[in-house]
Amino acid sequence: MKIVCVTLLGLSFAATGSTFTAAQEIPTMPKVLEITREVIKPGKSGAIHDKSESNFVNAMARAKWPTHYIAMNSLSGRSRALYITGYPSFEAWEKDDAAIDKNATLSSELDKDSLTDGELLDEIGQLVLYYDEDTSYRPNPDLSTARFMEISVYKIKPGHGKGWNDLAKMVIDAHKKAGTSAHWATYEVAYGGADEYVVFSADKSMSEIDTGYAEDKQFQDALGEEGMKRFHELIESTIDSADSELFQINPRQSYVPDEWIKADPEFWKPKPAMAPAAKPAATAKPAAKPAQ
């Protein structure tokens, strides 16, 4: 997905592909997202981090834990991983945490795995988001077929919440008029930041990103000259900063429902990477005969 016009902030408000959903078996967008962000040490990502994170996945699977989560790794910016869990409410999140605390076996395993995983990290942090239905557009609560995630973060100038809502309405109306493939889900930062919104757009393949850029002209034509002028004015007066990053969903680090695995086991339950075959030992050459 591209947020805000390309000519302004290097982004655009075109969102392609299916949208973000909670990593839970619920048919609606989750109200609350709990996100853990890990910054990986140089040389410790890839298979090394996959192996460490699989310990958490296996522990949850052995416990048959009902709450699931999605993992994704950065394809832009710093080397980092995101782990996103969705809940229908803050109360549901509290109950889930309390249930884990009461499960001595699972709690012990997760604590042990955290110590091991910590050796691979430069830093770790948490972020809590709350769903903003009014500024979302055609969100689809199904991430089972998604392979990439575009995440854009907007910091709003203090006191300009109305401007943000006006901007979102303008963008949504233009996409409706243009008939683009745009989809996105917007979340407000509840804890871990201030006056910030996070916009998620998931793609089945990177070709959908190409489509989003190609549809930008349709979006601008739908706004028209006067609309584009107003659009630019709202961006300048409302948005303090914006950043967009691309992530790839990592099935080896995700704990997803059994239905997802059964539907696409090749992706969600990949076989462990095979170690390269050992080379046969070189045959020793016979000693050279002494000169006669």
Protein backbone atom coordinates (compact mmCIF):
# COMPACT_ATOMS: atom_id res chain seq x y z
CA MET A 1 0.00 0.00 0.00
CA LYS A 2 1.11 3.54 -0.66
CA ILE A 3 0.01 6.30 1.70
CA VAL A 4 -0.05 10.01 0.74
CA CYS A 5 0.78 11.21 -2.75
CA VAL A 6 4.04 10.02 -4.31
CA THR A 7 5.08 13.56 -5.20
CA LEU A 8 4.82 14.67 -1.57
CA LEU A 9 6.22 12.21 0.93
CA GLY A 10 7.33 9.36 -1.28
CA LEU A 11 4.11 7.49 -0.45
CA SER A 12 0.51 7.50 -1.72
CA PHE A 13 -2.90 6.75 -0.28
CA ALA A 14 -3.40 3.77 -2.65
CA ALA A 15 -3.67 0.47 -0.79
CA THR A 16 -3.62 -2.83 -2.63
CA GLY A 17 -4.26 -6.42 -1.76
CA SER A 18 -6.12 -7.88 1.17
CA THR A 19 -5.91 -6.00 4.44
CA PHE A 20 -4.57 -6.64 7.89
CA THR A 21 -6.34 -9.06 10.16
CA ALA A 22 -5.72 -10.37 13.63
CA ALA A 23 -3.84 -13.62 13.92
CA GLN A 24 -6.88 -15.10 15.62
CA GLU A 25 -9.84 -17.14 14.48
CA ILE A 26 -12.29 -14.22 14.46
CA PRO A 27 -14.31 -12.96 11.48
CA THR A 28 -14.02 -9.25 12.26
CA MET A 29 -11.15 -6.81 12.56
CA PRO A 30 -9.55 -7.02 16.02
CA LYS A 31 -10.11 -3.93 18.15
CA VAL A 32 -6.77 -4.24 19.92
CA LEU A 33 -3.36 -5.13 18.50
CA GLU A 34 -0.41 -5.97 20.72
CA ILE A 35 2.84 -5.69 18.76
CA THR A 36 6.26 -6.84 19.90
CA ARG A 37 9.14 -5.31 17.92
CA GLU A 38 12.57 -6.94 17.93
CA VAL A 39 15.67 -5.37 16.41
CA ILE A 40 18.00 -8.18 15.37
CA LYS A 41 21.78 -8.09 15.84
CA PRO A 42 23.83 -8.12 12.62
CA GLY A 43 24.34 -11.67 11.41
CA LYS A 44 21.68 -13.10 13.75
CA SER A 45 18.64 -12.94 11.48
CA GLY A 46 17.48 -15.55 8.97
CA ALA A 47 17.73 -19.21 9.94
CA ILE A 48 19.39 -18.42 13.29
CA HIS A 49 16.48 -16.29 14.44
CA ASP A 50 13.93 -18.68 12.87
CA LYS A 51 15.27 -21.51 15.04
CA SER A 52 15.09 -19.40 18.19
CA GLU A 53 11.54 -18.18 17.48
CA SER A 54 10.36 -21.70 16.63
CA ASN A 55 10.82 -22.52 20.32
CA PHE A 56 7.99 -20.10 21.17
CA VAL A 57 5.80 -21.51 18.40
CA ASN A 58 6.37 -25.09 19.56
CA ALA A 59 5.64 -24.18 23.19
CA MET A 60 2.33 -22.56 22.23
CA ALA A 61 1.42 -25.52 20.02
CA ARG A 62 2.15 -28.05 22.77
CA ALA A 63 -0.10 -26.07 25.10
CA LYS A 64 -2.76 -25.90 22.36
CA TRP A 65 -3.00 -22.20 23.12
CA PRO A 66 -6.09 -20.58 21.53
CA THR A 67 -4.50 -17.17 20.85
CA HIS A 68 -2.41 -16.95 17.69
CA TYR A 69 0.04 -14.44 16.26
CA ILE A 70 1.68 -13.44 12.99
CA ALA A 71 5.41 -12.81 12.56
CA MET A 72 6.97 -10.69 9.85
CA ASN A 73 10.50 -9.62 9.00
CA SER A 74 11.60 -6.29 7.54
CA LEU A 75 12.54 -5.90 3.89
CA SER A 76 13.36 -2.20 4.40
CA GLY A 77 14.90 -0.17 7.19
CA ARG A 78 16.64 -1.79 10.16
CA SER A 79 16.74 -5.57 10.48
CA ARG A 80 13.76 -6.26 12.73
CA ALA A 81 10.83 -8.58 13.35
CA LEU A 82 7.24 -7.81 14.35
CA TYR A 83 4.94 -10.18 16.24
CA ILE A 84 1.29 -9.11 16.06
CA THR A 85 -1.52 -10.50 18.17
CA GLY A 86 -5.12 -9.32 17.83
CA TYR A 87 -7.78 -9.22 20.55
CA PRO A 88 -11.47 -8.24 20.48
CA SER A 89 -10.93 -6.04 23.57
CA PHE A 90 -8.43 -5.01 26.23
CA GLU A 91 -10.27 -7.31 28.63
CA ALA A 92 -9.63 -10.28 26.33
CA TRP A 93 -5.92 -9.40 26.26
CA GLU A 94 -5.85 -9.25 30.07
CA LYS A 95 -7.53 -12.66 30.36
CA ASP A 96 -5.09 -14.20 27.89
CA ASP A 97 -2.08 -12.92 29.84
CA ALA A 98 -3.59 -14.11 33.12
CA ALA A 99 -4.20 -17.58 31.69
CA ILE A 100 -0.58 -17.83 30.55
CA ASP A 101 0.63 -16.79 34.01
CA LYS A 102 -1.48 -19.59 35.55
CA ASN A 103 -0.03 -22.18 33.19
CA ALA A 104 3.25 -22.92 34.96
CA THR A 105 4.61 -25.20 32.21
CA LEU A 106 3.97 -22.75 29.39
CA SER A 107 5.18 -19.74 31.40
CA SER A 108 8.41 -21.52 32.28
CA GLU A 109 9.05 -22.48 28.67
CA LEU A 110 8.38 -18.97 27.40
CA ASP A 111 10.69 -17.45 30.02
CA LYS A 112 13.47 -19.86 29.05
CA ASP A 113 12.96 -19.19 25.34
CA SER A 114 13.03 -15.43 25.96
CA LEU A 115 16.47 -15.68 27.54
CA THR A 116 17.80 -17.60 24.56
CA ASP A 117 16.20 -15.27 22.03
CA GLY A 118 17.49 -12.20 23.85
CA GLU A 119 21.05 -13.14 22.88
CA LEU A 120 20.14 -12.41 19.24
CA LEU A 121 18.57 -8.98 19.83
CA ASP A 122 19.80 -5.41 19.99
CA GLU A 123 16.52 -4.17 21.47
CA ILE A 124 12.89 -5.10 22.05
CA GLY A 125 9.74 -3.04 22.59
CA GLN A 126 5.94 -3.15 22.64
CA LEU A 127 3.24 -1.11 20.97
CA VAL A 128 -0.54 -1.21 21.54
CA LEU A 129 -2.97 -0.11 18.81
CA TYR A 130 -6.74 0.44 18.67
CA TYR A 131 -8.80 -0.04 15.51
CA ASP A 132 -10.11 3.09 13.79
CA GLU A 133 -13.01 1.97 11.61
CA ASP A 134 -13.81 5.46 10.27
CA THR A 135 -10.42 5.90 8.56
CA SER A 136 -10.13 2.31 7.33
CA TYR A 137 -11.24 1.32 3.83
CA ARG A 138 -12.68 -2.09 2.90
CA PRO A 139 -10.66 -4.02 5.52
CA ASN A 140 -10.73 -7.78 5.03
CA PRO A 141 -10.15 -9.81 8.23
CA ASP A 142 -8.22 -12.63 6.56
CA LEU A 143 -4.44 -12.75 6.46
CA SER A 144 -4.13 -16.45 5.62
CA THR A 145 -3.17 -15.82 1.98
CA ALA A 146 -1.04 -12.71 2.58
CA ARG A 147 2.71 -12.88 2.05
CA PHE A 148 3.82 -9.25 2.43
CA MET A 149 2.74 -6.37 4.66
CA GLU A 150 3.12 -2.66 3.98
CA ILE A 151 3.01 -0.64 7.18
CA SER A 152 2.82 3.15 7.20
CA VAL A 153 3.07 5.27 10.35
CA TYR A 154 1.72 8.83 10.48
CA LYS A 155 2.45 11.26 13.27
CA ILE A 156 -0.27 13.92 13.42
CA LYS A 157 0.40 17.48 14.49
CA PRO A 158 -1.10 18.21 17.95
CA GLY A 159 -4.70 19.38 17.75
CA HIS A 160 -5.13 18.29 14.12
CA GLY A 161 -7.22 15.17 14.62
CA LYS A 162 -10.07 16.64 12.58
CA GLY A 163 -7.69 17.36 9.71
CA TRP A 164 -6.60 13.71 9.75
CA ASN A 165 -10.21 12.53 9.58
CA ASP A 166 -10.98 14.99 6.76
CA LEU A 167 -7.92 13.77 4.86
CA ALA A 168 -8.91 10.12 5.29
CA LYS A 169 -12.47 10.82 4.12
CA MET A 170 -11.18 12.62 1.05
CA VAL A 171 -8.89 9.72 0.18
CA ILE A 172 -11.59 7.09 0.73
CA ASP A 173 -14.10 9.00 -1.42
CA ALA A 174 -11.52 9.36 -4.22
CA HIS A 175 -10.76 5.63 -4.22
CA LYS A 176 -14.46 4.82 -4.35
CA LYS A 177 -14.87 7.15 -7.32
CA ALA A 178 -11.75 5.83 -9.08
CA GLY A 179 -12.69 2.19 -8.51
CA THR A 180 -9.18 1.21 -7.45
CA SER A 181 -8.22 -2.02 -5.71
CA ALA A 182 -7.42 -0.11 -2.51
CA HIS A 183 -7.86 -1.77 0.91
CA TRP A 184 -6.40 -0.83 4.27
CA ALA A 185 -6.95 -0.97 8.01
CA THR A 186 -6.08 1.98 10.25
CA TYR A 187 -5.14 1.73 13.91
CA GLU A 188 -4.53 4.53 16.38
CA VAL A 189 -1.57 4.18 18.73
CA ALA A 190 -3.12 3.67 22.16
CA TYR A 191 0.10 3.08 24.12
CA GLY A 192 3.72 3.47 23.07
CA GLY A 193 3.31 6.72 21.13
CA ALA A 194 1.21 9.88 20.82
CA ASP A 195 -0.93 11.30 18.00
CA GLU A 196 0.10 8.46 15.69
CA TYR A 197 -1.80 6.22 13.30
CA VAL A 198 -0.60 2.96 11.76
CA VAL A 199 -2.00 1.83 8.40
CA PHE A 200 -1.70 -1.83 7.34
CA SER A 201 -2.04 -3.24 3.84
CA ALA A 202 -1.27 -6.88 3.06
CA ASP A 203 -0.35 -8.24 -0.37
CA LYS A 204 -0.50 -11.76 -1.76
CA SER A 205 2.49 -10.89 -3.94
CA MET A 206 4.61 -7.86 -4.77
CA SER A 207 2.72 -7.51 -8.05
CA GLU A 208 -0.04 -5.92 -5.99
CA ILE A 209 2.39 -3.16 -5.00
CA ASP A 210 2.96 -2.54 -8.73
CA THR A 211 -0.81 -2.29 -9.14
CA GLY A 212 -1.04 0.28 -6.35
CA TYR A 213 1.49 2.55 -8.04
CA ALA A 214 -0.17 2.09 -11.42
CA GLU A 215 -3.54 3.13 -9.94
CA ASP A 216 -2.15 6.37 -8.52
CA LYS A 217 -3.17 8.31 -11.65
CA GLN A 218 -6.75 7.06 -11.29
CA PHE A 219 -6.70 8.33 -7.71
CA GLN A 220 -5.41 11.76 -8.72
CA ASP A 221 -7.88 12.02 -11.61
CA ALA A 222 -10.73 11.21 -9.21
CA LEU A 223 -9.64 14.07 -6.93
CA GLY A 224 -9.31 16.55 -9.76
CA GLU A 225 -7.23 19.72 -9.75
CA GLU A 226 -9.07 21.42 -6.89
CA GLY A 227 -9.19 18.20 -4.90
CA MET A 228 -5.44 17.67 -5.28
CA LYS A 229 -4.83 21.22 -4.08
CA ARG A 230 -6.95 20.60 -0.98
CA PHE A 231 -5.30 17.22 -0.53
CA HIS A 232 -1.84 18.83 -0.44
CA GLU A 233 -3.02 21.49 1.98
CA LEU A 234 -4.43 18.92 4.40
CA ILE A 235 -1.21 16.88 4.30
CA GLU A 236 0.91 19.95 5.01
CA SER A 237 -1.30 21.19 7.85
CA THR A 238 -2.06 17.80 9.44
CA ILE A 239 0.86 15.36 9.12
CA ASP A 240 4.01 16.01 11.11
CA SER A 241 5.90 12.99 9.73
CA ALA A 242 5.27 9.79 7.77
CA ASP A 243 7.19 6.58 7.21
CA SER A 244 6.39 3.45 5.20
CA GLU A 245 8.13 0.08 5.46
CA LEU A 246 7.75 -3.30 3.75
CA PHE A 247 7.68 -6.59 5.67
CA GLN A 248 7.53 -10.23 4.61
CA ILE A 249 5.36 -12.62 6.60
CA ASN A 250 7.46 -15.39 8.15
CA PRO A 251 5.59 -18.69 8.63
CA ARG A 252 8.44 -20.26 10.63
CA GLN A 253 8.04 -17.63 13.35
CA SER A 254 4.21 -17.43 13.25
CA TYR A 255 1.74 -19.33 15.41
CA VAL A 256 -1.39 -19.59 13.27
CA PRO A 257 -4.68 -21.55 13.41
CA ASP A 258 -4.76 -25.14 12.19
CA GLU A 259 -7.19 -24.15 9.41
CA TRP A 260 -4.55 -21.93 7.85
CA ILE A 261 -1.99 -24.72 7.93
CA LYS A 262 -4.42 -27.25 6.42
CA ALA A 263 -5.38 -24.80 3.68
CA ASP A 264 -1.76 -24.10 2.66
CA PRO A 265 0.67 -26.44 4.43
CA GLU A 266 3.43 -25.72 1.93
CA PHE A 267 3.60 -22.12 3.14
CA TRP A 268 2.47 -22.23 6.78
CA LYS A 269 4.28 -25.46 7.67
CA PRO A 270 7.48 -25.34 5.63
CA LYS A 271 9.94 -28.18 5.95
CA PRO A 272 13.16 -27.37 7.80
CA ALA A 273 15.95 -26.29 5.52
CA MET A 274 18.15 -29.21 4.55
CA ALA A 275 21.78 -29.01 5.53
CA PRO A 276 24.11 -29.10 2.51
CA ALA A 277 25.36 -32.58 1.74
CA ALA A 278 28.87 -33.29 2.92
CA LYS A 279 31.43 -33.47 0.17
CA PRO A 280 33.06 -36.88 -0.30
CA ALA A 281 36.52 -37.15 1.14
CA ALA A 282 39.18 -36.49 -1.43
CA THR A 283 41.07 -39.60 -2.53
CA ALA A 284 44.70 -39.40 -1.53
CA LYS A 285 47.12 -39.28 -4.42
CA PRO A 286 49.78 -41.98 -4.52
CA ALA A 287 53.19 -40.82 -3.47
CA ALA A 288 55.38 -39.81 -6.36
CA LYS A 289 58.03 -42.35 -7.26
CA PRO A 290 61.56 -41.24 -6.63
CA ALA A 291 63.50 -40.33 -9.75
CA GLN A 292 65.64 -43.22 -11.06
